[in-house]
Amino acid sequence: MFDDEDDDGFEELTEELQQLALEQHFVYLQAKATRFVAMGAIDYRRQDALGCPPSTTPKPILDKLRLGCEQIVAWRGLTEETALEGLGIDGFYALAGLFHLRPVHQTARALDDDRMLDRMDLVHEVTGHATTLWNIVDSPTRKRRVKSKKDPDS
């Protein structure tokens, strides 16, 4: 159903990225993300089989879900070169939950600009399909430095 090669932007991907998107079931995520962006959280929840995102989800997390979905729609997160950004850890886990994905393995490495690149191996809770998403997060030391620049007394 969602592995249709006519999805927005799929044909613009290189053949190698198309193959990766299909192997990683990213086309499914892209279709779900497109639906979330178009419908908004409340209407999306009504049609989601597991009722995601939960009605108790705070607005800052809903904003991160929208940001993450907009990036997935643009085929970001599929490779380390196109990693998701701006979600933080909490937003990334909420995004995984929105797609019914459960983390099974994580690796992280420091980037030159004091950020971390996370590789998250995930499994769909219903189908068991495996996928990998890439996410860039600020390191805790970067956040402390940013805070200290704003408030020299902290």
Foldseek 3Di string as FASTA:
>chain_A
DQLDCVQPPSVVDDPVLNVLCNLQVLSVLLVLLVCCLVQPQPRSLVPDPVSPPPPPDDPVLSVLLNQQSVLSPVVAFSDLVRAREDQAPSNVVSNCVRQQKDFDDKDWDADPVQKIKIWTWIARPPPRRIHITIHIGHDPVVVVVVVCVVPVVD
